[in-house]
Amino acid sequence: MILTRLLLLVLFVIKTTFVYTQENDPWVLGIGINVVDNSGSRFDELLDIKDNWNLSRLLKTTVEKRFEYDYGIELSMSVNEFIRGKKINSISNSETVNYFAIDLMVKNYTSNYWQDPRHAWYTGYIIGGWGGNFFNSVINNTLNIGFGINIKLGLYMWLNFQTLGKFSIDNNTPGNANHLQHSISMVFWL
């Protein structure tokens, strides 16, 4: 009987600690799809999906560590492909180009400034940081800045929409490789 009570007490402490950790400083995992617009048209043709958006090999995964609701550090990986005939830096692409990106960024959940994050059905944020973008095997370092929104689907499950502007800080690819990346993901608090 004492062993049963001790076991129940240990399970209660573990469960309470786990719930507290989820509430204040959770780990967040995400998996989703991404599209890349590297057309070079700036803001003129943002929604020209047919000519500008690259929709092949759409995988995106993320790992985020949240801190006290308001901040997070995110590491993400994206895989895509620039299909022949799509625009890359205002020029029609004549060959298939593989795209792989690793991004390390900081988030600020700005919606927490006007709503209680524990009871909100959405959270909005701004995000920025470094990106390593590989066009075939050539790396292009970028300064990333963007915004996103999480919509609550369940207790620890959210639907994420995010847009990033990626601005080249080196000149390793034609047209300086500034581009946009949009993504939709399912994220899970652990």
C-alpha atoms as a PDB file:
ATOM      1  CA  MET A   1       0.000   0.000   0.000  1.00  0.00           C
ATOM      2  CA  ILE A   2       2.834   2.397   0.831  1.00  0.00           C
ATOM      3  CA  LEU A   3       4.518   1.536  -2.468  1.00  0.00           C
ATOM      4  CA  THR A   4       1.293   2.344  -4.373  1.00  0.00           C
ATOM      5  CA  ARG A   5       0.926   5.709  -2.639  1.00  0.00           C
ATOM      6  CA  LEU A   6       4.572   6.540  -3.263  1.00  0.00           C
ATOM      7  CA  LEU A   7       4.202   5.613  -6.930  1.00  0.00           C
ATOM      8  CA  LEU A   8       1.071   7.778  -7.246  1.00  0.00           C
ATOM      9  CA  LEU A   9       2.888  10.690  -5.584  1.00  0.00           C
ATOM     10  CA  VAL A  10       5.840  10.350  -7.981  1.00  0.00           C
ATOM     11  CA  LEU A  11       3.496  10.197 -10.993  1.00  0.00           C
ATOM     12  CA  PHE A  12       1.623  13.273  -9.748  1.00  0.00           C
ATOM     13  CA  VAL A  13       4.871  15.262  -9.368  1.00  0.00           C
ATOM     14  CA  ILE A  14       6.075  14.214 -12.834  1.00  0.00           C
ATOM     15  CA  LYS A  15       2.738  15.093 -14.429  1.00  0.00           C
ATOM     16  CA  THR A  16       2.574  18.480 -12.664  1.00  0.00           C
ATOM     17  CA  THR A  17       6.133  19.297 -13.722  1.00  0.00           C
ATOM     18  CA  PHE A  18       5.402  18.254 -17.310  1.00  0.00           C
ATOM     19  CA  VAL A  19       2.263  20.414 -17.508  1.00  0.00           C
ATOM     20  CA  TYR A  20       4.082  23.400 -15.978  1.00  0.00           C
ATOM     21  CA  THR A  21       6.918  23.003 -18.480  1.00  0.00           C
ATOM     22  CA  GLN A  22       4.458  22.846 -21.377  1.00  0.00           C
ATOM     23  CA  GLU A  23       2.696  25.968 -20.213  1.00  0.00           C
ATOM     24  CA  ASN A  24       5.728  28.192 -19.669  1.00  0.00           C
ATOM     25  CA  ASP A  25       8.684  26.955 -21.717  1.00  0.00           C
ATOM     26  CA  PRO A  26       7.508  24.297 -24.176  1.00  0.00           C
ATOM     27  CA  TRP A  27       9.373  22.662 -26.998  1.00  0.00           C
ATOM     28  CA  VAL A  28       7.435  23.044 -30.241  1.00  0.00           C
ATOM     29  CA  LEU A  29       7.786  20.702 -33.226  1.00  0.00           C
ATOM     30  CA  GLY A  30       6.370  21.455 -36.655  1.00  0.00           C
ATOM     31  CA  ILE A  31       5.984  19.777 -40.013  1.00  0.00           C
ATOM     32  CA  GLY A  32       4.509  21.301 -43.119  1.00  0.00           C
ATOM     33  CA  ILE A  33       4.930  22.533 -46.654  1.00  0.00           C
ATOM     34  CA  ASN A  34       6.688  25.553 -48.164  1.00  0.00           C
ATOM     35  CA  VAL A  35       6.716  27.481 -51.420  1.00  0.00           C
ATOM     36  CA  VAL A  36       9.565  29.663 -52.657  1.00  0.00           C
ATOM     37  CA  ASP A  37       9.172  32.774 -54.824  1.00  0.00           C
ATOM     38  CA  ASN A  38      12.558  33.771 -56.256  1.00  0.00           C
ATOM     39  CA  SER A  39      11.162  35.542 -59.320  1.00  0.00           C
ATOM     40  CA  GLY A  40      12.961  38.856 -58.750  1.00  0.00           C
ATOM     41  CA  SER A  41       9.706  40.769 -59.294  1.00  0.00           C
ATOM     42  CA  ARG A  42       9.755  42.225 -55.771  1.00  0.00           C
ATOM     43  CA  PHE A  43       6.150  43.033 -54.848  1.00  0.00           C
ATOM     44  CA  ASP A  44       4.741  43.297 -58.386  1.00  0.00           C
ATOM     45  CA  GLU A  45       3.766  39.656 -58.880  1.00  0.00           C
ATOM     46  CA  LEU A  46       3.369  38.296 -55.341  1.00  0.00           C
ATOM     47  CA  LEU A  47       0.409  36.065 -56.192  1.00  0.00           C
ATOM     48  CA  ASP A  48       1.536  34.887 -59.650  1.00  0.00           C
ATOM     49  CA  ILE A  49       1.564  31.252 -58.587  1.00  0.00           C
ATOM     50  CA  LYS A  50       1.843  29.822 -62.094  1.00  0.00           C
ATOM     51  CA  ASP A  51       5.048  31.626 -63.114  1.00  0.00           C
ATOM     52  CA  ASN A  52       6.761  32.415 -59.823  1.00  0.00           C
ATOM     53  CA  TRP A  53       5.960  29.976 -57.018  1.00  0.00           C
ATOM     54  CA  ASN A  54       8.020  26.789 -56.800  1.00  0.00           C
ATOM     55  CA  LEU A  55       5.823  23.926 -55.605  1.00  0.00           C
ATOM     56  CA  SER A  56       7.926  20.790 -55.696  1.00  0.00           C
ATOM     57  CA  ARG A  57       9.429  18.828 -52.769  1.00  0.00           C
ATOM     58  CA  LEU A  58       7.562  20.997 -50.308  1.00  0.00           C
ATOM     59  CA  LEU A  59       8.868  19.684 -46.970  1.00  0.00           C
ATOM     60  CA  LYS A  60       9.490  21.991 -44.008  1.00  0.00           C
ATOM     61  CA  THR A  61      10.322  20.926 -40.446  1.00  0.00           C
ATOM     62  CA  THR A  62      10.868  23.098 -37.374  1.00  0.00           C
ATOM     63  CA  VAL A  63      12.033  22.789 -33.787  1.00  0.00           C
ATOM     64  CA  GLU A  64      11.379  25.719 -31.445  1.00  0.00           C
ATOM     65  CA  LYS A  65      12.114  26.419 -27.805  1.00  0.00           C
ATOM     66  CA  ARG A  66       9.646  28.888 -26.266  1.00  0.00           C
ATOM     67  CA  PHE A  67      10.537  31.167 -23.346  1.00  0.00           C
ATOM     68  CA  GLU A  68       7.846  32.617 -21.047  1.00  0.00           C
ATOM     69  CA  TYR A  69       5.212  32.791 -23.817  1.00  0.00           C
ATOM     70  CA  ASP A  70       6.732  35.867 -25.505  1.00  0.00           C
ATOM     71  CA  TYR A  71       9.911  34.588 -27.175  1.00  0.00           C
ATOM     72  CA  GLY A  72      11.187  31.578 -29.048  1.00  0.00           C
ATOM     73  CA  ILE A  73      14.271  30.335 -30.858  1.00  0.00           C
ATOM     74  CA  GLU A  74      13.518  28.301 -33.976  1.00  0.00           C
ATOM     75  CA  LEU A  75      15.629  26.026 -36.152  1.00  0.00           C
ATOM     76  CA  SER A  76      13.975  25.077 -39.434  1.00  0.00           C
ATOM     77  CA  MET A  77      14.843  23.030 -42.492  1.00  0.00           C
ATOM     78  CA  SER A  78      13.155  23.371 -45.884  1.00  0.00           C
ATOM     79  CA  VAL A  79      13.446  21.388 -49.090  1.00  0.00           C
ATOM     80  CA  ASN A  80      12.080  22.556 -52.444  1.00  0.00           C
ATOM     81  CA  GLU A  81      12.955  22.569 -56.140  1.00  0.00           C
ATOM     82  CA  PHE A  82      12.918  25.302 -58.771  1.00  0.00           C
ATOM     83  CA  ILE A  83      11.222  23.771 -61.766  1.00  0.00           C
ATOM     84  CA  ARG A  84      12.310  24.425 -65.334  1.00  0.00           C
ATOM     85  CA  GLY A  85      10.319  27.310 -66.833  1.00  0.00           C
ATOM     86  CA  LYS A  86       9.705  29.195 -63.558  1.00  0.00           C
ATOM     87  CA  LYS A  87      11.270  32.622 -63.077  1.00  0.00           C
ATOM     88  CA  ILE A  88      14.464  32.947 -61.045  1.00  0.00           C
ATOM     89  CA  ASN A  89      15.571  36.571 -60.601  1.00  0.00           C
ATOM     90  CA  SER A  90      13.434  37.756 -63.573  1.00  0.00           C
ATOM     91  CA  ILE A  91      14.887  35.126 -65.942  1.00  0.00           C
ATOM     92  CA  SER A  92      13.069  31.971 -67.041  1.00  0.00           C
ATOM     93  CA  ASN A  93      14.799  28.983 -65.467  1.00  0.00           C
ATOM     94  CA  SER A  94      16.325  26.614 -68.064  1.00  0.00           C
ATOM     95  CA  GLU A  95      17.211  23.797 -65.643  1.00  0.00           C
ATOM     96  CA  THR A  96      15.947  22.233 -62.442  1.00  0.00           C
ATOM     97  CA  VAL A  97      17.570  23.766 -59.338  1.00  0.00           C
ATOM     98  CA  ASN A  98      17.438  21.999 -55.958  1.00  0.00           C
ATOM     99  CA  TYR A  99      16.713  24.230 -52.973  1.00  0.00           C
ATOM    100  CA  PHE A 100      17.623  23.391 -49.373  1.00  0.00           C
ATOM    101  CA  ALA A 101      17.451  25.911 -46.510  1.00  0.00           C
ATOM    102  CA  ILE A 102      18.491  25.881 -42.870  1.00  0.00           C
ATOM    103  CA  ASP A 103      17.289  28.859 -40.824  1.00  0.00           C
ATOM    104  CA  LEU A 104      18.098  29.861 -37.231  1.00  0.00           C
ATOM    105  CA  MET A 105      15.742  32.583 -36.044  1.00  0.00           C
ATOM    106  CA  VAL A 106      14.308  34.394 -33.038  1.00  0.00           C
ATOM    107  CA  LYS A 107      10.560  34.945 -32.595  1.00  0.00           C
ATOM    108  CA  ASN A 108       8.693  37.601 -30.639  1.00  0.00           C
ATOM    109  CA  TYR A 109       5.032  36.764 -30.043  1.00  0.00           C
ATOM    110  CA  THR A 110       3.688  40.306 -30.394  1.00  0.00           C
ATOM    111  CA  SER A 111       0.014  39.343 -29.939  1.00  0.00           C
ATOM    112  CA  ASN A 112       0.810  38.557 -26.293  1.00  0.00           C
ATOM    113  CA  TYR A 113       1.075  42.304 -25.646  1.00  0.00           C
ATOM    114  CA  TRP A 114      -2.711  42.750 -26.044  1.00  0.00           C
ATOM    115  CA  GLN A 115      -4.141  39.337 -25.172  1.00  0.00           C
ATOM    116  CA  ASP A 116      -3.634  36.621 -22.574  1.00  0.00           C
ATOM    117  CA  PRO A 117      -1.644  33.893 -24.383  1.00  0.00           C
ATOM    118  CA  ARG A 118      -3.018  31.132 -22.146  1.00  0.00           C
ATOM    119  CA  HIS A 119      -6.562  31.669 -23.423  1.00  0.00           C
ATOM    120  CA  ALA A 120      -5.994  33.051 -26.939  1.00  0.00           C
ATOM    121  CA  TRP A 121      -7.199  31.191 -30.015  1.00  0.00           C
ATOM    122  CA  TYR A 122      -4.353  32.695 -32.075  1.00  0.00           C
ATOM    123  CA  THR A 123      -0.834  34.051 -31.599  1.00  0.00           C
ATOM    124  CA  GLY A 124       0.878  36.432 -33.998  1.00  0.00           C
ATOM    125  CA  TYR A 125       4.624  36.904 -34.151  1.00  0.00           C
ATOM    126  CA  ILE A 126       7.514  38.536 -35.930  1.00  0.00           C
ATOM    127  CA  ILE A 127      10.574  36.471 -36.761  1.00  0.00           C
ATOM    128  CA  GLY A 128      14.118  37.187 -37.865  1.00  0.00           C
ATOM    129  CA  GLY A 129      17.555  35.640 -38.089  1.00  0.00           C
ATOM    130  CA  TRP A 130      20.089  33.908 -40.321  1.00  0.00           C
ATOM    131  CA  GLY A 131      19.477  31.557 -43.231  1.00  0.00           C
ATOM    132  CA  GLY A 132      21.716  29.239 -45.185  1.00  0.00           C
ATOM    133  CA  ASN A 133      20.095  28.591 -48.556  1.00  0.00           C
ATOM    134  CA  PHE A 134      21.600  26.070 -50.966  1.00  0.00           C
ATOM    135  CA  PHE A 135      20.833  26.498 -54.668  1.00  0.00           C
ATOM    136  CA  ASN A 136      22.043  23.116 -55.977  1.00  0.00           C
ATOM    137  CA  SER A 137      25.296  23.027 -54.010  1.00  0.00           C
ATOM    138  CA  VAL A 138      26.032  26.786 -53.805  1.00  0.00           C
ATOM    139  CA  ILE A 139      25.282  28.321 -50.397  1.00  0.00           C
ATOM    140  CA  ASN A 140      23.730  31.756 -50.135  1.00  0.00           C
ATOM    141  CA  ASN A 141      23.654  33.339 -46.653  1.00  0.00           C
ATOM    142  CA  THR A 142      20.597  35.460 -45.963  1.00  0.00           C
ATOM    143  CA  LEU A 143      19.197  37.794 -43.357  1.00  0.00           C
ATOM    144  CA  ASN A 144      15.608  36.637 -42.783  1.00  0.00           C
ATOM    145  CA  ILE A 145      12.710  38.723 -41.550  1.00  0.00           C
ATOM    146  CA  GLY A 146       9.036  37.868 -41.551  1.00  0.00           C
ATOM    147  CA  PHE A 147       5.805  37.331 -39.693  1.00  0.00           C
ATOM    148  CA  GLY A 148       3.417  34.524 -38.906  1.00  0.00           C
ATOM    149  CA  ILE A 149       0.310  33.456 -37.088  1.00  0.00           C
ATOM    150  CA  ASN A 150      -0.607  30.297 -35.142  1.00  0.00           C
ATOM    151  CA  ILE A 151      -4.271  29.284 -34.955  1.00  0.00           C
ATOM    152  CA  LYS A 152      -5.218  26.986 -32.089  1.00  0.00           C
ATOM    153  CA  LEU A 153      -6.723  23.639 -33.118  1.00  0.00           C
ATOM    154  CA  GLY A 154      -6.467  21.744 -29.841  1.00  0.00           C
ATOM    155  CA  LEU A 155      -4.857  21.852 -26.444  1.00  0.00           C
ATOM    156  CA  TYR A 156      -1.299  21.462 -27.785  1.00  0.00           C
ATOM    157  CA  MET A 157      -1.841  21.609 -31.569  1.00  0.00           C
ATOM    158  CA  TRP A 158      -1.712  24.710 -33.779  1.00  0.00           C
ATOM    159  CA  LEU A 159      -1.929  25.550 -37.496  1.00  0.00           C
ATOM    160  CA  ASN A 160       0.924  27.866 -38.525  1.00  0.00           C
ATOM    161  CA  PHE A 161       1.081  30.309 -41.464  1.00  0.00           C
ATOM    162  CA  GLN A 162       4.396  32.105 -42.040  1.00  0.00           C
ATOM    163  CA  THR A 163       6.015  34.380 -44.640  1.00  0.00           C
ATOM    164  CA  LEU A 164       9.741  35.122 -44.700  1.00  0.00           C
ATOM    165  CA  GLY A 165      11.699  37.616 -46.751  1.00  0.00           C
ATOM    166  CA  LYS A 166      15.224  36.285 -47.276  1.00  0.00           C
ATOM    167  CA  PHE A 167      17.767  38.964 -48.172  1.00  0.00           C
ATOM    168  CA  SER A 168      21.168  37.868 -49.429  1.00  0.00           C
ATOM    169  CA  ILE A 169      24.239  38.986 -47.478  1.00  0.00           C
ATOM    170  CA  ASP A 170      26.676  37.542 -49.997  1.00  0.00           C
ATOM    171  CA  ASN A 171      26.792  37.314 -53.775  1.00  0.00           C
ATOM    172  CA  ASN A 172      27.207  33.598 -54.496  1.00  0.00           C
ATOM    173  CA  THR A 173      24.217  33.131 -56.791  1.00  0.00           C
ATOM    174  CA  PRO A 174      22.892  35.069 -59.782  1.00  0.00           C
ATOM    175  CA  GLY A 175      20.674  38.039 -59.000  1.00  0.00           C
ATOM    176  CA  ASN A 176      21.853  38.128 -55.360  1.00  0.00           C
ATOM    177  CA  ALA A 177      19.212  35.470 -54.523  1.00  0.00           C
ATOM    178  CA  ASN A 178      16.762  37.557 -52.482  1.00  0.00           C
ATOM    179  CA  HIS A 179      13.553  35.553 -52.240  1.00  0.00           C
ATOM    180  CA  LEU A 180      10.313  34.919 -50.356  1.00  0.00           C
ATOM    181  CA  GLN A 181       9.346  31.705 -48.607  1.00  0.00           C
ATOM    182  CA  HIS A 182       5.775  30.982 -47.499  1.00  0.00           C
ATOM    183  CA  SER A 183       4.833  27.979 -45.365  1.00  0.00           C
ATOM    184  CA  ILE A 184       1.897  26.213 -43.740  1.00  0.00           C
ATOM    185  CA  SER A 185       2.652  23.798 -40.893  1.00  0.00           C
ATOM    186  CA  MET A 186       1.090  21.819 -38.090  1.00  0.00           C
ATOM    187  CA  VAL A 187       2.905  22.579 -34.818  1.00  0.00           C
ATOM    188  CA  PHE A 188       2.754  20.554 -31.625  1.00  0.00           C
ATOM    189  CA  TRP A 189       3.710  21.642 -28.097  1.00  0.00           C
ATOM    190  CA  LEU A 190       5.639  19.007 -26.158  1.00  0.00           C
END
